[in-house]
Amino acid sequence: MVKCPFCGSEDNFKELKSWKFRFYDVKLLVCLKCGRKFNYYSGVSSKGKKSEFVIRIGQRLGRKVAKISERKVWLRERDK
């Protein structure tokens, strides 16, 4: 059962893309409840072990950009 790692929803997903990675079937899914993206991996290894997990897909921010964003939020909160 797939579960959104962001909001916990267990239904309402849209599959954007799918591919094979080694013995995994990978699906890029979008949660229709929160709108966030994540990869769902499922497969069976050559030794017969079942495996499935989720990797979150998020906006990548550089260290400098993140610090600037945090400062903007801090200034906005201070000026209220």
N, C-alpha and C. Protein backbone atom coordinates (compact mmCIF):
# COMPACT_ATOMS: atom_id res chain seq x y z
N MET A 1 0.85 -1.18 0.00
CA MET A 1 0.00 0.00 0.00
C MET A 1 0.89 1.24 0.00
N VAL A 2 0.66 2.12 -0.95
CA VAL A 2 1.44 3.35 -1.05
C VAL A 2 0.82 4.40 -0.13
N LYS A 3 1.69 5.12 0.57
CA LYS A 3 1.25 6.17 1.49
C LYS A 3 2.10 7.42 1.23
N CYS A 4 1.47 8.57 1.12
CA CYS A 4 2.20 9.81 0.87
C CYS A 4 3.11 10.11 2.06
N PRO A 5 4.42 10.32 1.83
CA PRO A 5 5.34 10.60 2.94
C PRO A 5 5.17 12.02 3.51
N PHE A 6 4.42 12.87 2.84
CA PHE A 6 4.24 14.25 3.28
C PHE A 6 2.96 14.42 4.11
N CYS A 7 1.81 13.94 3.58
CA CYS A 7 0.54 14.18 4.28
C CYS A 7 -0.10 12.92 4.84
N GLY A 8 0.41 11.74 4.47
CA GLY A 8 -0.11 10.49 5.00
C GLY A 8 -1.30 9.92 4.26
N SER A 9 -1.71 10.54 3.17
CA SER A 9 -2.85 10.05 2.38
C SER A 9 -2.52 8.68 1.79
N GLU A 10 -3.49 7.78 1.76
CA GLU A 10 -3.27 6.45 1.21
C GLU A 10 -3.99 6.22 -0.11
N ASP A 11 -4.58 7.24 -0.66
CA ASP A 11 -5.23 7.12 -1.96
C ASP A 11 -5.06 8.42 -2.72
N ASN A 12 -5.58 8.49 -3.92
CA ASN A 12 -5.52 9.70 -4.75
C ASN A 12 -4.11 10.08 -5.17
N PHE A 13 -3.49 9.20 -5.97
CA PHE A 13 -2.17 9.48 -6.53
C PHE A 13 -2.27 9.50 -8.04
N LYS A 14 -1.44 10.31 -8.65
CA LYS A 14 -1.34 10.34 -10.10
C LYS A 14 0.07 9.90 -10.47
N GLU A 15 0.17 8.91 -11.35
CA GLU A 15 1.48 8.41 -11.78
C GLU A 15 1.97 9.27 -12.94
N LEU A 16 3.12 9.92 -12.75
CA LEU A 16 3.69 10.77 -13.79
C LEU A 16 4.63 10.00 -14.71
N LYS A 17 5.33 9.03 -14.13
CA LYS A 17 6.37 8.34 -14.88
C LYS A 17 6.68 7.02 -14.19
N SER A 18 7.12 6.01 -14.93
CA SER A 18 7.57 4.76 -14.32
C SER A 18 8.78 4.24 -15.10
N TRP A 19 9.66 3.52 -14.39
CA TRP A 19 10.86 2.96 -15.00
C TRP A 19 11.39 1.83 -14.13
N LYS A 20 12.38 1.09 -14.67
CA LYS A 20 13.05 0.01 -13.94
C LYS A 20 14.40 0.52 -13.46
N PHE A 21 14.74 0.19 -12.20
CA PHE A 21 16.05 0.47 -11.64
C PHE A 21 16.51 -0.81 -10.95
N ARG A 22 17.51 -1.46 -11.55
CA ARG A 22 17.95 -2.77 -11.10
C ARG A 22 16.75 -3.70 -11.00
N PHE A 23 16.42 -4.23 -9.83
CA PHE A 23 15.26 -5.11 -9.71
C PHE A 23 14.02 -4.37 -9.22
N TYR A 24 14.09 -3.06 -9.10
CA TYR A 24 12.95 -2.26 -8.64
C TYR A 24 12.11 -1.74 -9.80
N ASP A 25 10.80 -1.69 -9.60
CA ASP A 25 9.90 -0.93 -10.45
C ASP A 25 9.70 0.39 -9.73
N VAL A 26 10.01 1.49 -10.40
CA VAL A 26 9.95 2.81 -9.77
C VAL A 26 8.82 3.61 -10.41
N LYS A 27 8.05 4.29 -9.56
CA LYS A 27 6.98 5.15 -10.04
C LYS A 27 7.13 6.53 -9.44
N LEU A 28 7.08 7.55 -10.28
CA LEU A 28 7.06 8.93 -9.82
C LEU A 28 5.59 9.29 -9.64
N LEU A 29 5.20 9.54 -8.40
CA LEU A 29 3.80 9.80 -8.07
C LEU A 29 3.61 11.21 -7.53
N VAL A 30 2.43 11.75 -7.76
CA VAL A 30 2.03 13.03 -7.19
C VAL A 30 0.80 12.77 -6.34
N CYS A 31 0.84 13.24 -5.10
CA CYS A 31 -0.31 13.11 -4.21
C CYS A 31 -1.32 14.19 -4.62
N LEU A 32 -2.54 13.78 -4.89
CA LEU A 32 -3.57 14.74 -5.30
C LEU A 32 -4.13 15.52 -4.12
N LYS A 33 -3.83 15.07 -2.91
CA LYS A 33 -4.30 15.78 -1.71
C LYS A 33 -3.38 16.97 -1.39
N CYS A 34 -2.05 16.75 -1.37
CA CYS A 34 -1.13 17.83 -1.00
C CYS A 34 -0.32 18.36 -2.17
N GLY A 35 -0.30 17.64 -3.31
CA GLY A 35 0.40 18.12 -4.49
C GLY A 35 1.89 17.87 -4.52
N ARG A 36 2.42 17.12 -3.57
CA ARG A 36 3.87 16.86 -3.49
C ARG A 36 4.23 15.60 -4.29
N LYS A 37 5.49 15.52 -4.73
CA LYS A 37 5.97 14.40 -5.53
C LYS A 37 6.86 13.48 -4.71
N PHE A 38 6.82 12.19 -5.06
CA PHE A 38 7.71 11.21 -4.43
C PHE A 38 7.87 10.01 -5.35
N ASN A 39 8.99 9.29 -5.18
CA ASN A 39 9.26 8.06 -5.92
C ASN A 39 8.89 6.88 -5.05
N TYR A 40 8.17 5.92 -5.64
CA TYR A 40 7.79 4.69 -4.95
C TYR A 40 8.56 3.53 -5.60
N TYR A 41 9.40 2.85 -4.82
CA TYR A 41 10.19 1.73 -5.29
C TYR A 41 9.60 0.43 -4.76
N SER A 42 9.43 -0.57 -5.64
CA SER A 42 8.98 -1.90 -5.20
C SER A 42 9.64 -2.94 -6.08
N GLY A 43 9.99 -4.07 -5.46
CA GLY A 43 10.62 -5.13 -6.22
C GLY A 43 10.99 -6.33 -5.37
N VAL A 44 11.48 -7.35 -6.05
CA VAL A 44 11.92 -8.58 -5.39
C VAL A 44 13.36 -8.84 -5.84
N SER A 45 14.27 -8.99 -4.87
CA SER A 45 15.68 -9.20 -5.20
C SER A 45 15.90 -10.60 -5.77
N SER A 46 17.10 -10.84 -6.27
CA SER A 46 17.42 -12.15 -6.84
C SER A 46 17.36 -13.26 -5.79
N LYS A 47 17.47 -12.88 -4.50
CA LYS A 47 17.38 -13.86 -3.41
C LYS A 47 15.95 -14.04 -2.92
N GLY A 48 15.00 -13.36 -3.54
CA GLY A 48 13.59 -13.52 -3.21
C GLY A 48 13.08 -12.59 -2.13
N LYS A 49 13.87 -11.64 -1.71
CA LYS A 49 13.46 -10.71 -0.66
C LYS A 49 12.65 -9.56 -1.25
N LYS A 50 11.42 -9.36 -0.70
CA LYS A 50 10.57 -8.26 -1.14
C LYS A 50 11.03 -6.97 -0.51
N SER A 51 10.96 -5.90 -1.29
CA SER A 51 11.37 -4.61 -0.77
C SER A 51 10.53 -3.52 -1.41
N GLU A 52 10.10 -2.56 -0.59
CA GLU A 52 9.42 -1.38 -1.11
C GLU A 52 9.68 -0.20 -0.18
N PHE A 53 9.89 0.95 -0.78
CA PHE A 53 10.15 2.15 0.00
C PHE A 53 9.83 3.39 -0.82
N VAL A 54 9.84 4.54 -0.15
CA VAL A 54 9.49 5.81 -0.78
C VAL A 54 10.64 6.80 -0.59
N ILE A 55 10.92 7.57 -1.63
CA ILE A 55 11.90 8.65 -1.53
C ILE A 55 11.19 9.94 -1.89
N ARG A 56 11.25 10.91 -0.98
CA ARG A 56 10.62 12.21 -1.22
C ARG A 56 11.36 12.97 -2.31
N ILE A 57 10.60 13.70 -3.11
CA ILE A 57 11.16 14.58 -4.13
C ILE A 57 10.78 15.99 -3.71
N GLY A 58 11.77 16.83 -3.49
CA GLY A 58 11.49 18.18 -3.05
C GLY A 58 12.34 19.19 -3.78
N GLN A 59 12.07 20.42 -3.53
CA GLN A 59 12.83 21.50 -4.13
C GLN A 59 14.24 21.50 -3.55
N ARG A 60 15.21 21.55 -4.43
CA ARG A 60 16.60 21.55 -3.98
C ARG A 60 17.06 22.99 -3.84
N LEU A 61 17.50 23.32 -2.66
CA LEU A 61 17.99 24.67 -2.40
C LEU A 61 19.46 24.60 -2.03
N GLY A 62 20.24 25.49 -2.60
CA GLY A 62 21.64 25.58 -2.22
C GLY A 62 21.74 26.15 -0.82
N ARG A 63 22.87 25.97 -0.20
CA ARG A 63 23.06 26.45 1.17
C ARG A 63 22.87 27.96 1.25
N LYS A 64 23.40 28.69 0.28
CA LYS A 64 23.31 30.14 0.28
C LYS A 64 21.84 30.58 0.11
N VAL A 65 21.13 29.95 -0.81
CA VAL A 65 19.72 30.30 -1.06
C VAL A 65 18.89 30.02 0.19
N ALA A 66 19.15 28.91 0.84
CA ALA A 66 18.40 28.55 2.05
C ALA A 66 18.62 29.59 3.15
N LYS A 67 19.86 30.04 3.32
CA LYS A 67 20.15 31.04 4.35
C LYS A 67 19.44 32.36 4.04
N ILE A 68 19.45 32.76 2.77
CA ILE A 68 18.77 33.99 2.37
C ILE A 68 17.27 33.87 2.64
N SER A 69 16.69 32.72 2.30
CA SER A 69 15.26 32.50 2.52
C SER A 69 14.92 32.55 4.01
N GLU A 70 15.75 31.91 4.84
CA GLU A 70 15.51 31.94 6.29
C GLU A 70 15.58 33.37 6.82
N ARG A 71 16.51 34.14 6.31
CA ARG A 71 16.65 35.54 6.75
C ARG A 71 15.42 36.35 6.34
N LYS A 72 14.91 36.13 5.12
CA LYS A 72 13.71 36.84 4.67
C LYS A 72 12.52 36.52 5.56
N VAL A 73 12.37 35.24 5.91
CA VAL A 73 11.27 34.84 6.79
C VAL A 73 11.43 35.50 8.15
N TRP A 74 12.66 35.51 8.68
CA TRP A 74 12.92 36.11 9.98
C TRP A 74 12.59 37.61 9.95
N LEU A 75 13.02 38.30 8.87
CA LEU A 75 12.75 39.73 8.75
C LEU A 75 11.24 40.00 8.63
N ARG A 76 10.54 39.15 7.87
CA ARG A 76 9.10 39.30 7.72
C ARG A 76 8.39 39.15 9.05
N GLU A 77 8.80 38.14 9.83
CA GLU A 77 8.20 37.91 11.15
C GLU A 77 8.50 39.08 12.10
N ARG A 78 9.71 39.60 12.02
CA ARG A 78 10.13 40.70 12.89
C ARG A 78 9.33 41.96 12.60
N ASP A 79 9.04 42.20 11.33
CA ASP A 79 8.36 43.44 10.93
C ASP A 79 6.85 43.42 11.15
N LYS A 80 6.31 42.30 11.55
CA LYS A 80 4.84 42.22 11.78
C LYS A 80 4.40 43.02 12.97
